[in-house]
C-alpha atoms as a PDB file:
ATOM      1  CA  MET A   1     -24.344  28.392  71.870  1.00  0.00           C
ATOM      2  CA  GLY A   2     -23.990  26.548  68.588  1.00  0.00           C
ATOM      3  CA  LEU A   3     -21.630  28.015  66.016  1.00  0.00           C
ATOM      4  CA  SER A   4     -21.803  26.951  62.411  1.00  0.00           C
ATOM      5  CA  PHE A   5     -18.833  26.797  60.039  1.00  0.00           C
ATOM      6  CA  GLU A   6     -18.682  25.972  56.355  1.00  0.00           C
ATOM      7  CA  VAL A   7     -16.319  23.188  55.354  1.00  0.00           C
ATOM      8  CA  LEU A   8     -15.122  22.612  51.800  1.00  0.00           C
ATOM      9  CA  ILE A   9     -14.505  18.948  51.017  1.00  0.00           C
ATOM     10  CA  VAL A  10     -12.458  18.009  47.951  1.00  0.00           C
ATOM     11  CA  PRO A  11     -10.674  14.865  46.792  1.00  0.00           C
ATOM     12  CA  ALA A  12      -6.995  14.772  47.707  1.00  0.00           C
ATOM     13  CA  GLU A  13      -4.938  15.461  44.601  1.00  0.00           C
ATOM     14  CA  ASP A  14      -2.269  12.865  45.344  1.00  0.00           C
ATOM     15  CA  LEU A  15      -4.076  10.289  47.512  1.00  0.00           C
ATOM     16  CA  PRO A  16      -6.830   8.279  45.777  1.00  0.00           C
ATOM     17  CA  GLY A  17      -9.843   7.661  48.010  1.00  0.00           C
ATOM     18  CA  ILE A  18      -8.956  10.448  50.436  1.00  0.00           C
ATOM     19  CA  TRP A  19     -11.081  13.573  50.886  1.00  0.00           C
ATOM     20  CA  VAL A  20      -9.644  16.798  52.309  1.00  0.00           C
ATOM     21  CA  ALA A  21     -11.838  18.968  54.555  1.00  0.00           C
ATOM     22  CA  LEU A  22     -10.975  22.659  54.825  1.00  0.00           C
ATOM     23  CA  CYS A  23     -12.518  25.268  57.106  1.00  0.00           C
ATOM     24  CA  PRO A  24     -11.132  28.639  55.952  1.00  0.00           C
ATOM     25  CA  GLN A  25     -12.928  30.536  58.704  1.00  0.00           C
ATOM     26  CA  LEU A  26     -10.808  28.796  61.341  1.00  0.00           C
ATOM     27  CA  GLY A  27      -7.774  27.781  59.298  1.00  0.00           C
ATOM     28  CA  VAL A  28      -8.500  24.106  59.945  1.00  0.00           C
ATOM     29  CA  CYS A  29      -7.573  21.310  57.535  1.00  0.00           C
ATOM     30  CA  THR A  30      -8.075  17.552  57.935  1.00  0.00           C
ATOM     31  CA  GLN A  31      -8.936  14.513  55.843  1.00  0.00           C
ATOM     32  CA  GLY A  32     -11.098  11.411  55.711  1.00  0.00           C
ATOM     33  CA  THR A  33     -11.659   8.285  53.658  1.00  0.00           C
ATOM     34  CA  SER A  34     -15.073   9.446  52.413  1.00  0.00           C
ATOM     35  CA  VAL A  35     -17.074  12.668  52.366  1.00  0.00           C
ATOM     36  CA  PRO A  36     -18.999  11.729  55.557  1.00  0.00           C
ATOM     37  CA  ASN A  37     -15.747  10.709  57.266  1.00  0.00           C
ATOM     38  CA  ALA A  38     -14.094  13.995  56.224  1.00  0.00           C
ATOM     39  CA  VAL A  39     -17.078  15.900  57.681  1.00  0.00           C
ATOM     40  CA  GLU A  40     -16.729  13.925  60.921  1.00  0.00           C
ATOM     41  CA  MET A  41     -12.998  14.624  61.053  1.00  0.00           C
ATOM     42  CA  ALA A  42     -13.629  18.328  60.362  1.00  0.00           C
ATOM     43  CA  GLN A  43     -16.127  18.449  63.225  1.00  0.00           C
ATOM     44  CA  GLU A  44     -13.534  16.962  65.561  1.00  0.00           C
ATOM     45  CA  ALA A  45     -10.716  19.231  64.332  1.00  0.00           C
ATOM     46  CA  ILE A  46     -12.884  22.338  64.691  1.00  0.00           C
ATOM     47  CA  GLU A  47     -13.929  21.364  68.223  1.00  0.00           C
ATOM     48  CA  LEU A  48     -10.310  20.703  69.221  1.00  0.00           C
ATOM     49  CA  SER A  49      -9.163  24.016  67.720  1.00  0.00           C
ATOM     50  CA  ILE A  50     -11.815  25.910  69.652  1.00  0.00           C
ATOM     51  CA  GLU A  51     -11.001  24.069  72.893  1.00  0.00           C
ATOM     52  CA  ASP A  52      -7.290  24.805  72.431  1.00  0.00           C
ATOM     53  CA  ASP A  53      -7.930  28.495  71.778  1.00  0.00           C
ATOM     54  CA  LEU A  54     -10.150  28.795  74.848  1.00  0.00           C
ATOM     55  CA  ALA A  55      -7.558  27.018  77.024  1.00  0.00           C
ATOM     56  CA  GLU A  56      -4.915  29.485  75.796  1.00  0.00           C
ATOM     57  CA  GLY A  57      -7.176  32.502  76.383  1.00  0.00           C
ATOM     58  CA  ARG A  58      -7.627  33.228  72.651  1.00  0.00           C
ATOM     59  CA  ASP A  59     -10.867  34.015  70.855  1.00  0.00           C
ATOM     60  CA  PRO A  60     -11.548  31.098  68.464  1.00  0.00           C
ATOM     61  CA  LEU A  61     -13.239  33.460  66.044  1.00  0.00           C
ATOM     62  CA  ASP A  62      -9.917  35.276  65.557  1.00  0.00           C
ATOM     63  CA  ARG A  63      -8.412  32.169  63.903  1.00  0.00           C
ATOM     64  CA  GLU A  64      -9.345  33.077  60.339  1.00  0.00           C
ATOM     65  CA  ARG A  65      -6.290  32.840  58.126  1.00  0.00           C
ATOM     66  CA  HIS A  66      -5.524  35.443  55.481  1.00  0.00           C
ATOM     67  CA  ASP A  67      -2.826  34.336  53.120  1.00  0.00           C
ATOM     68  CA  GLN A  68      -2.776  33.312  49.489  1.00  0.00           C
ATOM     69  CA  TRP A  69      -3.415  29.599  50.112  1.00  0.00           C
ATOM     70  CA  TRP A  70      -6.414  30.150  52.399  1.00  0.00           C
ATOM     71  CA  ASP A  71      -7.766  32.919  50.160  1.00  0.00           C
ATOM     72  CA  GLU A  72      -7.771  30.408  47.280  1.00  0.00           C
ATOM     73  CA  ARG A  73      -9.645  27.904  49.470  1.00  0.00           C
ATOM     74  CA  ARG A  74     -12.250  30.599  50.265  1.00  0.00           C
ATOM     75  CA  ARG A  75     -12.750  31.168  46.526  1.00  0.00           C
ATOM     76  CA  GLU A  76     -13.123  27.417  46.001  1.00  0.00           C
ATOM     77  CA  LEU A  77     -15.716  27.307  48.763  1.00  0.00           C
ATOM     78  CA  GLU A  78     -17.660  30.166  47.160  1.00  0.00           C
ATOM     79  CA  GLU A  79     -17.619  28.415  43.785  1.00  0.00           C
ATOM     80  CA  ALA A  80     -18.616  25.060  45.283  1.00  0.00           C
ATOM     81  CA  ARG A  81     -21.711  26.437  47.032  1.00  0.00           C
ATOM     82  CA  GLY A  82     -23.627  26.041  43.777  1.00  0.00           C
ATOM     83  CA  GLY A  83     -23.305  22.276  44.044  1.00  0.00           C
ATOM     84  CA  GLN A  84     -22.529  21.774  40.354  1.00  0.00           C
ATOM     85  CA  ASP A  85     -19.258  19.874  40.855  1.00  0.00           C
ATOM     86  CA  PRO A  86     -19.642  16.456  42.565  1.00  0.00           C
ATOM     87  CA  ASP A  87     -15.962  16.588  43.542  1.00  0.00           C
ATOM     88  CA  ARG A  88     -16.491  19.729  45.612  1.00  0.00           C
ATOM     89  CA  VAL A  89     -18.832  19.460  48.550  1.00  0.00           C
ATOM     90  CA  VAL A  90     -19.742  22.190  51.009  1.00  0.00           C
ATOM     91  CA  GLU A  91     -21.027  21.044  54.389  1.00  0.00           C
ATOM     92  CA  ARG A  92     -21.989  23.039  57.439  1.00  0.00           C
ATOM     93  CA  VAL A  93     -20.489  21.869  60.731  1.00  0.00           C
ATOM     94  CA  THR A  94     -22.029  23.082  63.982  1.00  0.00           C
ATOM     95  CA  VAL A  95     -20.177  23.014  67.283  1.00  0.00           C
ATOM     96  CA  GLU A  96     -21.393  23.930  70.739  1.00  0.00           C
ATOM     97  CA  TRP A  97     -19.426  26.742  72.325  1.00  0.00           C
ATOM     98  CA  GLY A  98     -20.111  28.922  75.339  1.00  0.00           C
ATOM     99  CA  GLY A  99     -18.428  32.028  73.870  1.00  0.00           C
ATOM    100  CA  ALA A 100     -20.022  35.251  72.719  1.00  0.00           C
END
């Protein structure tokens, strides 16, 4: 089964040329040297998070983080969906998973 997750990609505030990829649904954060690289890194981080959860007997879909920092990232993702800000990109990452 393929699961799809939204990833917010923004420029790193303190590292020129670095893009940060955030997946609030799973509480996953990574970075890349370009938007496509950040998407690729997010794909890998999401897959590894799911694999780790399954190996530990946890449901990967129970990973969603609820704290102030992640809630702010969710709001950023909502705002970025409109595509008006070139420094905020929303991509959809799909991973194959055999779960329900």
